Amino acid sequence: MVSRISMLQFFLLVIASLAIIQMTKAGDEDILCDFLGSKVDAKYFTYKDMRSFEKPAAAFTVMKASRVEFPALNGQSVSLAVLQFPVNSVNPPHIHPRSAELLLVRKGCLQVGFVDTTNKFYNQTLRTGDIFVFPKGLVHYQYNADPHTPALAISAFGSANAGTVSIPATLFTTGIDDNILEKSFKTDAKTIQALKTGLGSKQ
């Protein structure tokens, strides 16, 4: 009896350890030095491409500073995005699989919301200076409903590569079979084709 309990405890300990290791792997890798990169100078740690973001945008526009655009962020567990919202524009429902998002509204007004894993919907209207957090991996959006005033926001992430999965694009432009989409959304082929056309699907 004692040995069975000991084996069960050992087995549960192994399972818990593996789960912790998997959770640890889900974040940015820990680095054992100050930064990654060799033969670097101060320019390596400077990102200047945001300067071009001052021009007004005709459609929703995002400019990222992640490890892809700014290699000095690799291993630092931080990244940034600047989001421009012309009037009546939306950042469609999406997720960031590797980080929460901290959004600061710099100009204008935004309607924001997210849905948790119990399908509870949280939404808020943000004004200049307001901050909102979107929890890691949850579906969320931002919308500038103002018909006259553009909005500008800055998003900070706790990952050098937070990732973005756009829900509309993922569902309707990646080749998922129309029959599956029709059944999933309880609609017809015509509606699915209209959605694909609107999103610029190449099918």
N, C-alpha and C. Protein backbone atom coordinates (compact mmCIF):
# COMPACT_ATOMS: atom_id res chain seq x y z
N MET A 1 0.83 -1.20 0.00
CA MET A 1 0.00 0.00 0.00
C MET A 1 0.87 1.25 0.00
N VAL A 2 1.90 1.23 0.87
CA VAL A 2 2.79 2.38 0.97
C VAL A 2 3.50 2.61 -0.36
N SER A 3 3.97 1.53 -0.97
CA SER A 3 4.69 1.70 -2.23
C SER A 3 3.78 2.22 -3.33
N ARG A 4 2.50 1.80 -3.34
CA ARG A 4 1.56 2.30 -4.35
C ARG A 4 1.35 3.80 -4.19
N ILE A 5 1.19 4.24 -2.94
CA ILE A 5 1.01 5.68 -2.68
C ILE A 5 2.26 6.44 -3.09
N SER A 6 3.43 5.90 -2.76
CA SER A 6 4.69 6.55 -3.11
C SER A 6 4.83 6.66 -4.63
N MET A 7 4.48 5.60 -5.34
CA MET A 7 4.57 5.62 -6.79
C MET A 7 3.60 6.65 -7.38
N LEU A 8 2.38 6.71 -6.81
CA LEU A 8 1.38 7.68 -7.28
C LEU A 8 1.89 9.11 -7.04
N GLN A 9 2.44 9.36 -5.85
CA GLN A 9 2.97 10.68 -5.55
C GLN A 9 4.12 11.03 -6.49
N PHE A 10 4.99 10.04 -6.74
CA PHE A 10 6.11 10.27 -7.65
C PHE A 10 5.60 10.59 -9.06
N PHE A 11 4.62 9.82 -9.51
CA PHE A 11 4.04 10.03 -10.84
C PHE A 11 3.42 11.43 -10.94
N LEU A 12 2.65 11.84 -9.93
CA LEU A 12 2.04 13.18 -9.94
C LEU A 12 3.10 14.28 -9.92
N LEU A 13 4.18 14.05 -9.18
CA LEU A 13 5.28 15.02 -9.13
C LEU A 13 5.93 15.17 -10.51
N VAL A 14 6.13 14.04 -11.21
CA VAL A 14 6.71 14.08 -12.54
C VAL A 14 5.80 14.85 -13.50
N ILE A 15 4.48 14.56 -13.45
CA ILE A 15 3.51 15.25 -14.32
C ILE A 15 3.53 16.75 -14.04
N ALA A 16 3.50 17.13 -12.76
CA ALA A 16 3.52 18.55 -12.39
C ALA A 16 4.80 19.23 -12.88
N SER A 17 5.93 18.54 -12.75
CA SER A 17 7.21 19.09 -13.20
C SER A 17 7.22 19.32 -14.71
N LEU A 18 6.69 18.35 -15.46
CA LEU A 18 6.62 18.51 -16.92
C LEU A 18 5.72 19.68 -17.31
N ALA A 19 4.61 19.83 -16.59
CA ALA A 19 3.70 20.95 -16.88
C ALA A 19 4.39 22.28 -16.63
N ILE A 20 5.15 22.38 -15.54
CA ILE A 20 5.87 23.62 -15.23
C ILE A 20 6.92 23.91 -16.29
N ILE A 21 7.63 22.87 -16.74
CA ILE A 21 8.63 23.05 -17.79
C ILE A 21 7.97 23.56 -19.06
N GLN A 22 6.83 23.00 -19.44
CA GLN A 22 6.12 23.43 -20.65
C GLN A 22 5.69 24.89 -20.53
N MET A 23 5.16 25.30 -19.33
CA MET A 23 4.75 26.69 -19.13
C MET A 23 5.94 27.63 -19.25
N THR A 24 7.08 27.19 -18.71
CA THR A 24 8.29 28.01 -18.79
C THR A 24 8.73 28.19 -20.22
N LYS A 25 8.65 27.14 -21.02
CA LYS A 25 9.05 27.21 -22.43
C LYS A 25 8.16 28.13 -23.25
N ALA A 26 6.93 28.38 -22.77
CA ALA A 26 5.98 29.19 -23.54
C ALA A 26 6.37 30.66 -23.60
N GLY A 27 7.21 31.13 -22.69
CA GLY A 27 7.63 32.52 -22.68
C GLY A 27 8.92 32.72 -23.45
N ASP A 28 9.45 33.93 -23.39
CA ASP A 28 10.73 34.22 -24.03
C ASP A 28 11.84 33.43 -23.32
N GLU A 29 12.85 33.05 -24.09
CA GLU A 29 13.94 32.30 -23.49
C GLU A 29 14.76 33.19 -22.57
N ASP A 30 15.21 32.61 -21.46
CA ASP A 30 16.11 33.34 -20.56
C ASP A 30 17.49 33.36 -21.18
N ILE A 31 18.13 34.52 -21.11
CA ILE A 31 19.49 34.62 -21.63
C ILE A 31 20.46 34.72 -20.45
N LEU A 32 21.66 34.23 -20.66
CA LEU A 32 22.66 34.18 -19.59
C LEU A 32 23.72 35.26 -19.76
N CYS A 33 23.34 36.34 -20.43
CA CYS A 33 24.25 37.47 -20.64
C CYS A 33 23.41 38.74 -20.65
N ASP A 34 24.05 39.87 -20.77
CA ASP A 34 23.33 41.13 -20.76
C ASP A 34 22.40 41.28 -21.96
N PHE A 35 22.86 40.83 -23.11
CA PHE A 35 22.08 40.95 -24.34
C PHE A 35 22.63 39.97 -25.35
N LEU A 36 21.83 39.71 -26.39
CA LEU A 36 22.27 38.83 -27.48
C LEU A 36 22.81 39.69 -28.61
N GLY A 37 23.84 39.24 -29.24
CA GLY A 37 24.46 40.01 -30.32
C GLY A 37 25.94 40.19 -30.03
N SER A 38 26.72 40.29 -31.10
CA SER A 38 28.16 40.49 -30.92
C SER A 38 28.58 41.67 -31.79
N LYS A 39 29.68 42.28 -31.45
CA LYS A 39 30.20 43.44 -32.18
C LYS A 39 29.11 44.51 -32.33
N VAL A 40 28.52 44.90 -31.21
CA VAL A 40 27.45 45.90 -31.23
C VAL A 40 27.95 47.21 -30.66
N ASP A 41 27.26 48.28 -31.05
CA ASP A 41 27.51 49.60 -30.46
C ASP A 41 26.15 50.19 -30.08
N ALA A 42 26.13 51.45 -29.69
CA ALA A 42 24.89 52.08 -29.23
C ALA A 42 23.82 52.09 -30.32
N LYS A 43 24.20 52.11 -31.58
CA LYS A 43 23.22 52.11 -32.67
C LYS A 43 22.40 50.82 -32.67
N TYR A 44 23.02 49.72 -32.25
CA TYR A 44 22.33 48.43 -32.21
C TYR A 44 21.11 48.49 -31.28
N PHE A 45 21.19 49.32 -30.23
CA PHE A 45 20.12 49.43 -29.24
C PHE A 45 19.14 50.55 -29.54
N THR A 46 19.22 51.14 -30.70
CA THR A 46 18.38 52.27 -31.09
C THR A 46 17.52 51.89 -32.28
N TYR A 47 16.22 52.18 -32.18
CA TYR A 47 15.27 51.88 -33.26
C TYR A 47 14.64 53.19 -33.71
N LYS A 48 14.83 53.56 -34.98
CA LYS A 48 14.38 54.87 -35.46
C LYS A 48 13.22 54.81 -36.45
N ASP A 49 12.74 53.61 -36.78
CA ASP A 49 11.71 53.51 -37.81
C ASP A 49 10.37 54.10 -37.39
N MET A 50 10.13 54.31 -36.11
CA MET A 50 8.87 54.91 -35.67
C MET A 50 8.74 56.36 -36.12
N ARG A 51 9.82 56.97 -36.53
CA ARG A 51 9.76 58.36 -36.99
C ARG A 51 8.83 58.51 -38.19
N SER A 52 8.74 57.48 -39.01
CA SER A 52 7.91 57.55 -40.21
C SER A 52 6.43 57.38 -39.90
N PHE A 53 6.11 57.19 -38.65
CA PHE A 53 4.72 56.91 -38.28
C PHE A 53 3.90 58.18 -38.05
N GLU A 54 4.49 59.32 -38.25
CA GLU A 54 3.79 60.59 -37.98
C GLU A 54 2.75 60.93 -39.04
N LYS A 55 2.88 60.35 -40.23
CA LYS A 55 1.93 60.68 -41.30
C LYS A 55 0.57 60.07 -41.00
N PRO A 56 -0.54 60.80 -41.31
CA PRO A 56 -1.88 60.24 -41.10
C PRO A 56 -2.10 58.99 -41.95
N ALA A 57 -2.84 58.03 -41.40
CA ALA A 57 -3.10 56.77 -42.10
C ALA A 57 -4.50 56.77 -42.70
N ALA A 58 -4.65 56.14 -43.86
CA ALA A 58 -5.95 56.04 -44.51
C ALA A 58 -6.75 54.86 -43.98
N ALA A 59 -6.07 53.85 -43.42
CA ALA A 59 -6.71 52.68 -42.84
C ALA A 59 -5.99 52.34 -41.55
N PHE A 60 -6.59 51.44 -40.76
CA PHE A 60 -5.92 51.03 -39.52
C PHE A 60 -4.50 50.57 -39.86
N THR A 61 -3.52 51.09 -39.11
CA THR A 61 -2.12 50.79 -39.37
C THR A 61 -1.42 50.48 -38.05
N VAL A 62 -0.57 49.47 -38.09
CA VAL A 62 0.24 49.14 -36.91
C VAL A 62 1.70 49.10 -37.31
N MET A 63 2.54 49.70 -36.49
CA MET A 63 3.99 49.62 -36.69
C MET A 63 4.57 48.96 -35.45
N LYS A 64 5.27 47.85 -35.66
CA LYS A 64 5.80 47.07 -34.55
C LYS A 64 7.29 47.30 -34.35
N ALA A 65 7.70 47.19 -33.11
CA ALA A 65 9.11 47.09 -32.76
C ALA A 65 9.25 45.83 -31.93
N SER A 66 9.34 44.69 -32.63
CA SER A 66 9.55 43.41 -31.98
C SER A 66 10.96 42.93 -32.35
N ARG A 67 11.31 41.74 -31.95
CA ARG A 67 12.67 41.27 -32.26
C ARG A 67 12.87 41.08 -33.76
N VAL A 68 11.78 40.96 -34.51
CA VAL A 68 11.90 40.84 -35.96
C VAL A 68 12.41 42.16 -36.55
N GLU A 69 11.80 43.27 -36.14
CA GLU A 69 12.18 44.58 -36.67
C GLU A 69 13.38 45.18 -35.93
N PHE A 70 13.55 44.83 -34.68
CA PHE A 70 14.54 45.45 -33.79
C PHE A 70 15.29 44.33 -33.05
N PRO A 71 16.32 43.74 -33.67
CA PRO A 71 16.99 42.56 -33.11
C PRO A 71 17.53 42.73 -31.70
N ALA A 72 17.79 43.96 -31.25
CA ALA A 72 18.30 44.16 -29.89
C ALA A 72 17.29 43.70 -28.84
N LEU A 73 16.01 43.54 -29.21
CA LEU A 73 15.00 43.08 -28.25
C LEU A 73 15.08 41.58 -27.99
N ASN A 74 15.79 40.85 -28.82
CA ASN A 74 15.87 39.40 -28.66
C ASN A 74 16.43 39.05 -27.28
N GLY A 75 15.63 38.30 -26.51
CA GLY A 75 16.04 37.93 -25.15
C GLY A 75 15.66 38.92 -24.08
N GLN A 76 15.07 40.06 -24.45
CA GLN A 76 14.74 41.10 -23.47
C GLN A 76 13.30 41.05 -22.96
N SER A 77 12.46 40.22 -23.56
CA SER A 77 11.06 40.02 -23.12
C SER A 77 10.23 41.30 -23.15
N VAL A 78 10.51 42.19 -24.09
CA VAL A 78 9.69 43.39 -24.27
C VAL A 78 9.56 43.68 -25.77
N SER A 79 8.46 44.31 -26.13
CA SER A 79 8.29 44.84 -27.49
C SER A 79 7.19 45.90 -27.44
N LEU A 80 7.02 46.57 -28.56
CA LEU A 80 6.13 47.74 -28.61
C LEU A 80 5.45 47.79 -29.96
N ALA A 81 4.24 48.36 -29.99
CA ALA A 81 3.56 48.62 -31.25
C ALA A 81 2.86 49.96 -31.14
N VAL A 82 2.85 50.71 -32.24
CA VAL A 82 2.09 51.95 -32.32
C VAL A 82 0.95 51.72 -33.30
N LEU A 83 -0.27 52.06 -32.87
CA LEU A 83 -1.46 51.78 -33.66
C LEU A 83 -2.17 53.07 -34.05
N GLN A 84 -2.41 53.24 -35.34
CA GLN A 84 -3.13 54.41 -35.86
C GLN A 84 -4.53 53.98 -36.28
N PHE A 85 -5.53 54.70 -35.79
CA PHE A 85 -6.92 54.42 -36.11
C PHE A 85 -7.56 55.62 -36.78
N PRO A 86 -7.69 55.62 -38.11
CA PRO A 86 -8.49 56.68 -38.74
C PRO A 86 -9.93 56.57 -38.22
N VAL A 87 -10.77 57.53 -38.57
CA VAL A 87 -12.17 57.49 -38.12
C VAL A 87 -12.83 56.20 -38.58
N ASN A 88 -13.69 55.65 -37.72
CA ASN A 88 -14.45 54.43 -38.01
C ASN A 88 -13.58 53.25 -38.44
N SER A 89 -12.42 53.08 -37.82
CA SER A 89 -11.55 51.96 -38.18
C SER A 89 -11.41 51.00 -37.00
N VAL A 90 -11.07 49.75 -37.31
CA VAL A 90 -11.01 48.72 -36.28
C VAL A 90 -9.73 47.90 -36.42
N ASN A 91 -9.19 47.50 -35.29
CA ASN A 91 -8.17 46.46 -35.24
C ASN A 91 -8.97 45.19 -34.95
N PRO A 92 -9.18 44.33 -35.97
CA PRO A 92 -10.12 43.21 -35.84
C PRO A 92 -9.78 42.27 -34.70
N PRO A 93 -10.75 41.45 -34.26
CA PRO A 93 -10.48 40.49 -33.19
C PRO A 93 -9.24 39.64 -33.49
N HIS A 94 -8.37 39.55 -32.50
CA HIS A 94 -7.10 38.83 -32.66
C HIS A 94 -6.61 38.39 -31.29
N ILE A 95 -5.55 37.59 -31.29
CA ILE A 95 -4.91 37.19 -30.04
C ILE A 95 -3.40 37.38 -30.15
N HIS A 96 -2.75 37.49 -29.00
CA HIS A 96 -1.29 37.46 -28.90
C HIS A 96 -0.96 36.23 -28.06
N PRO A 97 -0.49 35.15 -28.68
CA PRO A 97 -0.31 33.89 -27.95
C PRO A 97 0.80 33.89 -26.91
N ARG A 98 1.73 34.84 -27.00
CA ARG A 98 2.88 34.79 -26.09
C ARG A 98 2.97 35.96 -25.12
N SER A 99 1.94 36.83 -25.06
CA SER A 99 2.05 37.96 -24.15
C SER A 99 0.70 38.63 -23.91
N ALA A 100 0.58 39.23 -22.74
CA ALA A 100 -0.50 40.18 -22.49
C ALA A 100 -0.16 41.45 -23.26
N GLU A 101 -1.16 42.33 -23.42
CA GLU A 101 -0.95 43.61 -24.11
C GLU A 101 -1.41 44.74 -23.20
N LEU A 102 -0.55 45.73 -23.01
CA LEU A 102 -0.89 46.91 -22.22
C LEU A 102 -1.04 48.07 -23.20
N LEU A 103 -2.27 48.57 -23.35
CA LEU A 103 -2.57 49.58 -24.36
C LEU A 103 -2.76 50.95 -23.71
N LEU A 104 -2.07 51.96 -24.23
CA LEU A 104 -2.20 53.34 -23.77
C LEU A 104 -2.76 54.17 -24.93
N VAL A 105 -3.89 54.84 -24.70
CA VAL A 105 -4.47 55.71 -25.73
C VAL A 105 -3.78 57.07 -25.64
N ARG A 106 -3.10 57.46 -26.72
CA ARG A 106 -2.38 58.74 -26.75
C ARG A 106 -3.22 59.87 -27.32
N LYS A 107 -4.09 59.56 -28.29
CA LYS A 107 -4.96 60.58 -28.89
C LYS A 107 -6.30 59.94 -29.21
N GLY A 108 -7.37 60.69 -29.04
CA GLY A 108 -8.68 60.22 -29.44
C GLY A 108 -9.34 59.32 -28.42
N CYS A 109 -10.22 58.48 -28.92
CA CYS A 109 -11.06 57.64 -28.08
C CYS A 109 -11.19 56.27 -28.75
N LEU A 110 -11.12 55.20 -27.97
CA LEU A 110 -11.24 53.84 -28.51
C LEU A 110 -12.23 53.02 -27.70
N GLN A 111 -13.01 52.20 -28.40
CA GLN A 111 -13.80 51.17 -27.74
C GLN A 111 -12.97 49.90 -27.80
N VAL A 112 -12.80 49.24 -26.65
CA VAL A 112 -11.98 48.04 -26.59
C VAL A 112 -12.74 46.94 -25.88
N GLY A 113 -12.36 45.69 -26.15
CA GLY A 113 -13.00 44.59 -25.45
C GLY A 113 -12.24 43.30 -25.63
N PHE A 114 -12.49 42.35 -24.73
CA PHE A 114 -11.94 41.01 -24.87
C PHE A 114 -12.92 40.00 -24.30
N VAL A 115 -12.73 38.74 -24.67
CA VAL A 115 -13.57 37.64 -24.20
C VAL A 115 -12.68 36.64 -23.48
N ASP A 116 -13.09 36.26 -22.25
CA ASP A 116 -12.26 35.31 -21.50
C ASP A 116 -12.62 33.87 -21.87
N THR A 117 -11.99 32.90 -21.22
CA THR A 117 -12.18 31.50 -21.59
C THR A 117 -13.52 30.93 -21.13
N THR A 118 -14.31 31.71 -20.39
CA THR A 118 -15.68 31.29 -20.03
C THR A 118 -16.69 32.00 -20.93
N ASN A 119 -16.19 32.68 -21.97
CA ASN A 119 -17.02 33.46 -22.91
C ASN A 119 -17.66 34.69 -22.28
N LYS A 120 -17.06 35.20 -21.21
CA LYS A 120 -17.52 36.46 -20.64
C LYS A 120 -16.86 37.61 -21.39
N PHE A 121 -17.66 38.60 -21.75
CA PHE A 121 -17.20 39.74 -22.55
C PHE A 121 -16.94 40.93 -21.64
N TYR A 122 -15.75 41.53 -21.77
CA TYR A 122 -15.38 42.73 -21.03
C TYR A 122 -15.12 43.84 -22.04
N ASN A 123 -15.76 44.99 -21.87
CA ASN A 123 -15.50 46.09 -22.80
C ASN A 123 -15.47 47.42 -22.06
N GLN A 124 -14.85 48.40 -22.72
CA GLN A 124 -14.64 49.71 -22.09
C GLN A 124 -14.44 50.76 -23.18
N THR A 125 -14.81 51.98 -22.89
CA THR A 125 -14.49 53.11 -23.75
C THR A 125 -13.31 53.85 -23.14
N LEU A 126 -12.23 53.98 -23.90
CA LEU A 126 -11.01 54.62 -23.41
C LEU A 126 -10.83 55.99 -24.04
N ARG A 127 -10.35 56.92 -23.25
CA ARG A 127 -10.05 58.27 -23.74
C ARG A 127 -8.54 58.52 -23.62
N THR A 128 -8.09 59.63 -24.15
CA THR A 128 -6.66 59.96 -24.12
C THR A 128 -6.11 59.83 -22.70
N GLY A 129 -5.03 59.09 -22.56
CA GLY A 129 -4.38 58.89 -21.26
C GLY A 129 -4.82 57.63 -20.55
N ASP A 130 -5.90 56.97 -21.01
CA ASP A 130 -6.36 55.74 -20.37
C ASP A 130 -5.50 54.55 -20.80
N ILE A 131 -5.39 53.58 -19.87
CA ILE A 131 -4.63 52.35 -20.12
C ILE A 131 -5.56 51.16 -19.90
N PHE A 132 -5.41 50.15 -20.74
CA PHE A 132 -6.23 48.93 -20.63
C PHE A 132 -5.32 47.73 -20.86
N VAL A 133 -5.54 46.64 -20.13
CA VAL A 133 -4.74 45.43 -20.33
C VAL A 133 -5.61 44.33 -20.94
N PHE A 134 -5.06 43.70 -21.98
CA PHE A 134 -5.68 42.53 -22.60
C PHE A 134 -4.88 41.31 -22.13
N PRO A 135 -5.52 40.40 -21.38
CA PRO A 135 -4.77 39.24 -20.88
C PRO A 135 -4.22 38.37 -22.01
N LYS A 136 -3.12 37.73 -21.72
CA LYS A 136 -2.41 36.89 -22.68
C LYS A 136 -3.31 35.83 -23.31
N GLY A 137 -3.26 35.75 -24.64
CA GLY A 137 -3.93 34.68 -25.37
C GLY A 137 -5.42 34.81 -25.53
N LEU A 138 -6.05 35.91 -25.07
CA LEU A 138 -7.49 36.06 -25.18
C LEU A 138 -7.86 36.91 -26.39
N VAL A 139 -8.99 36.59 -27.01
CA VAL A 139 -9.47 37.33 -28.19
C VAL A 139 -9.85 38.74 -27.76
N HIS A 140 -9.34 39.74 -28.50
CA HIS A 140 -9.64 41.14 -28.16
C HIS A 140 -9.62 42.00 -29.43
N TYR A 141 -10.07 43.24 -29.29
CA TYR A 141 -10.13 44.17 -30.42
C TYR A 141 -10.04 45.61 -29.90
N GLN A 142 -9.81 46.55 -30.83
CA GLN A 142 -9.92 47.98 -30.55
C GLN A 142 -10.66 48.62 -31.72
N TYR A 143 -11.50 49.62 -31.43
CA TYR A 143 -12.33 50.23 -32.46
C TYR A 143 -12.45 51.73 -32.22
N ASN A 144 -12.17 52.52 -33.26
CA ASN A 144 -12.38 53.96 -33.19
C ASN A 144 -13.72 54.26 -33.85
N ALA A 145 -14.76 54.43 -33.03
CA ALA A 145 -16.12 54.68 -33.54
C ALA A 145 -16.35 56.15 -33.86
N ASP A 146 -15.40 57.00 -33.53
CA ASP A 146 -15.58 58.44 -33.74
C ASP A 146 -15.60 58.76 -35.24
N PRO A 147 -16.64 59.45 -35.74
CA PRO A 147 -16.72 59.76 -37.16
C PRO A 147 -15.87 60.96 -37.59
N HIS A 148 -15.24 61.63 -36.63
CA HIS A 148 -14.50 62.86 -36.95
C HIS A 148 -13.03 62.86 -36.54
N THR A 149 -12.68 62.13 -35.46
CA THR A 149 -11.35 62.24 -34.87
C THR A 149 -10.57 60.93 -34.94
N PRO A 150 -9.38 60.94 -35.55
CA PRO A 150 -8.52 59.74 -35.54
C PRO A 150 -8.04 59.45 -34.11
N ALA A 151 -7.58 58.25 -33.89
CA ALA A 151 -7.03 57.86 -32.58
C ALA A 151 -5.64 57.26 -32.77
N LEU A 152 -4.83 57.38 -31.72
CA LEU A 152 -3.47 56.83 -31.72
C LEU A 152 -3.27 56.11 -30.39
N ALA A 153 -2.70 54.91 -30.44
CA ALA A 153 -2.45 54.15 -29.21
C ALA A 153 -1.08 53.50 -29.28
N ILE A 154 -0.53 53.22 -28.11
CA ILE A 154 0.75 52.52 -27.99
C ILE A 154 0.51 51.26 -27.18
N SER A 155 0.98 50.13 -27.70
CA SER A 155 0.84 48.85 -27.00
C SER A 155 2.21 48.33 -26.59
N ALA A 156 2.30 47.89 -25.34
CA ALA A 156 3.53 47.28 -24.82
C ALA A 156 3.25 45.81 -24.55
N PHE A 157 4.26 44.97 -24.81
CA PHE A 157 4.12 43.52 -24.66
C PHE A 157 5.25 42.97 -23.78
N GLY A 158 4.95 41.94 -23.02
CA GLY A 158 5.95 41.28 -22.18
C GLY A 158 6.65 40.15 -22.90
N SER A 159 6.87 40.33 -24.19
CA SER A 159 7.59 39.36 -25.00
C SER A 159 8.24 40.10 -26.15
N ALA A 160 9.39 39.66 -26.56
CA ALA A 160 10.05 40.26 -27.73
C ALA A 160 9.38 39.81 -29.02
N ASN A 161 8.51 38.80 -28.92
CA ASN A 161 7.81 38.27 -30.09
C ASN A 161 6.43 37.78 -29.64
N ALA A 162 5.52 38.74 -29.36
CA ALA A 162 4.21 38.40 -28.80
C ALA A 162 3.36 37.60 -29.78
N GLY A 163 3.56 37.81 -31.09
CA GLY A 163 2.77 37.13 -32.09
C GLY A 163 1.38 37.73 -32.20
N THR A 164 0.81 37.69 -33.39
CA THR A 164 -0.56 38.17 -33.61
C THR A 164 -1.28 37.17 -34.50
N VAL A 165 -2.42 36.69 -34.04
CA VAL A 165 -3.26 35.80 -34.83
C VAL A 165 -4.58 36.52 -35.06
N SER A 166 -4.80 36.99 -36.29
CA SER A 166 -6.04 37.67 -36.65
C SER A 166 -7.13 36.64 -36.85
N ILE A 167 -8.22 36.76 -36.11
CA ILE A 167 -9.29 35.76 -36.20
C ILE A 167 -9.95 35.75 -37.59
N PRO A 168 -10.38 36.91 -38.15
CA PRO A 168 -10.99 36.86 -39.48
C PRO A 168 -10.04 36.30 -40.55
N ALA A 169 -8.81 36.76 -40.57
CA ALA A 169 -7.86 36.29 -41.58
C ALA A 169 -7.55 34.81 -41.42
N THR A 170 -7.39 34.37 -40.18
CA THR A 170 -7.08 32.96 -39.92
C THR A 170 -8.22 32.06 -40.40
N LEU A 171 -9.45 32.47 -40.16
CA LEU A 171 -10.60 31.64 -40.52
C LEU A 171 -10.92 31.66 -42.01
N PHE A 172 -10.77 32.83 -42.64
CA PHE A 172 -11.32 32.97 -43.99
C PHE A 172 -10.30 33.16 -45.11
N THR A 173 -9.02 33.22 -44.80
CA THR A 173 -8.04 33.41 -45.88
C THR A 173 -6.92 32.36 -45.89
N THR A 174 -7.07 31.31 -45.09
CA THR A 174 -5.97 30.34 -44.98
C THR A 174 -6.25 28.99 -45.62
N GLY A 175 -7.40 28.83 -46.25
CA GLY A 175 -7.68 27.58 -46.95
C GLY A 175 -8.52 26.58 -46.19
N ILE A 176 -9.11 26.97 -45.06
CA ILE A 176 -10.03 26.07 -44.37
C ILE A 176 -11.19 25.77 -45.31
N ASP A 177 -11.57 24.52 -45.42
CA ASP A 177 -12.62 24.08 -46.34
C ASP A 177 -13.94 24.83 -46.09
N ASP A 178 -14.57 25.30 -47.17
CA ASP A 178 -15.82 26.06 -47.06
C ASP A 178 -16.89 25.29 -46.31
N ASN A 179 -16.96 23.98 -46.53
CA ASN A 179 -17.97 23.15 -45.87
C ASN A 179 -17.82 23.21 -44.35
N ILE A 180 -16.57 23.20 -43.89
CA ILE A 180 -16.31 23.28 -42.45
C ILE A 180 -16.75 24.65 -41.92
N LEU A 181 -16.44 25.72 -42.68
CA LEU A 181 -16.84 27.06 -42.25
C LEU A 181 -18.36 27.21 -42.25
N GLU A 182 -19.02 26.69 -43.27
CA GLU A 182 -20.49 26.75 -43.34
C GLU A 182 -21.11 26.07 -42.12
N LYS A 183 -20.63 24.88 -41.79
CA LYS A 183 -21.19 24.14 -40.65
C LYS A 183 -20.85 24.84 -39.33
N SER A 184 -19.63 25.35 -39.22
CA SER A 184 -19.19 26.00 -37.97
C SER A 184 -19.99 27.26 -37.69
N PHE A 185 -20.27 28.04 -38.75
CA PHE A 185 -20.99 29.30 -38.57
C PHE A 185 -22.49 29.18 -38.86
N LYS A 186 -22.94 27.93 -39.17
CA LYS A 186 -24.35 27.67 -39.44
C LYS A 186 -24.90 28.64 -40.49
N THR A 187 -24.18 28.71 -41.61
CA THR A 187 -24.56 29.60 -42.69
C THR A 187 -24.39 28.86 -44.02
N ASP A 188 -24.45 29.60 -45.13
CA ASP A 188 -24.38 28.97 -46.44
C ASP A 188 -23.11 29.36 -47.18
N ALA A 189 -22.90 28.70 -48.33
CA ALA A 189 -21.68 28.92 -49.12
C ALA A 189 -21.57 30.35 -49.61
N LYS A 190 -22.70 30.95 -49.96
CA LYS A 190 -22.69 32.33 -50.48
C LYS A 190 -22.14 33.30 -49.43
N THR A 191 -22.56 33.12 -48.18
CA THR A 191 -22.09 34.00 -47.10
C THR A 191 -20.60 33.81 -46.87
N ILE A 192 -20.15 32.56 -46.86
CA ILE A 192 -18.73 32.27 -46.67
C ILE A 192 -17.91 32.90 -47.80
N GLN A 193 -18.36 32.78 -49.02
CA GLN A 193 -17.65 33.37 -50.16
C GLN A 193 -17.61 34.90 -50.06
N ALA A 194 -18.70 35.49 -49.59
CA ALA A 194 -18.74 36.96 -49.42
C ALA A 194 -17.71 37.39 -48.38
N LEU A 195 -17.61 36.64 -47.30
CA LEU A 195 -16.62 36.96 -46.27
C LEU A 195 -15.20 36.83 -46.81
N LYS A 196 -14.95 35.76 -47.54
CA LYS A 196 -13.62 35.55 -48.12
C LYS A 196 -13.27 36.66 -49.10
N THR A 197 -14.22 37.04 -49.92
CA THR A 197 -13.98 38.11 -50.90
C THR A 197 -13.68 39.42 -50.21
N GLY A 198 -14.45 39.72 -49.14
CA GLY A 198 -14.24 40.96 -48.38
C GLY A 198 -12.89 41.02 -47.70
N LEU A 199 -12.35 39.85 -47.36
CA LEU A 199 -11.05 39.80 -46.70
C LEU A 199 -9.90 39.60 -47.69
N GLY A 200 -10.23 39.55 -48.97
CA GLY A 200 -9.18 39.43 -49.98
C GLY A 200 -8.61 38.05 -50.11
N SER A 201 -9.43 37.02 -49.83
CA SER A 201 -8.95 35.64 -49.98
C SER A 201 -8.58 35.37 -51.42
N LYS A 202 -7.50 34.61 -51.66
CA LYS A 202 -7.04 34.31 -53.02
C LYS A 202 -7.55 32.97 -53.51
N GLN A 203 -8.57 32.43 -52.84
CA GLN A 203 -9.12 31.14 -53.26
C GLN A 203 -10.05 31.30 -54.44
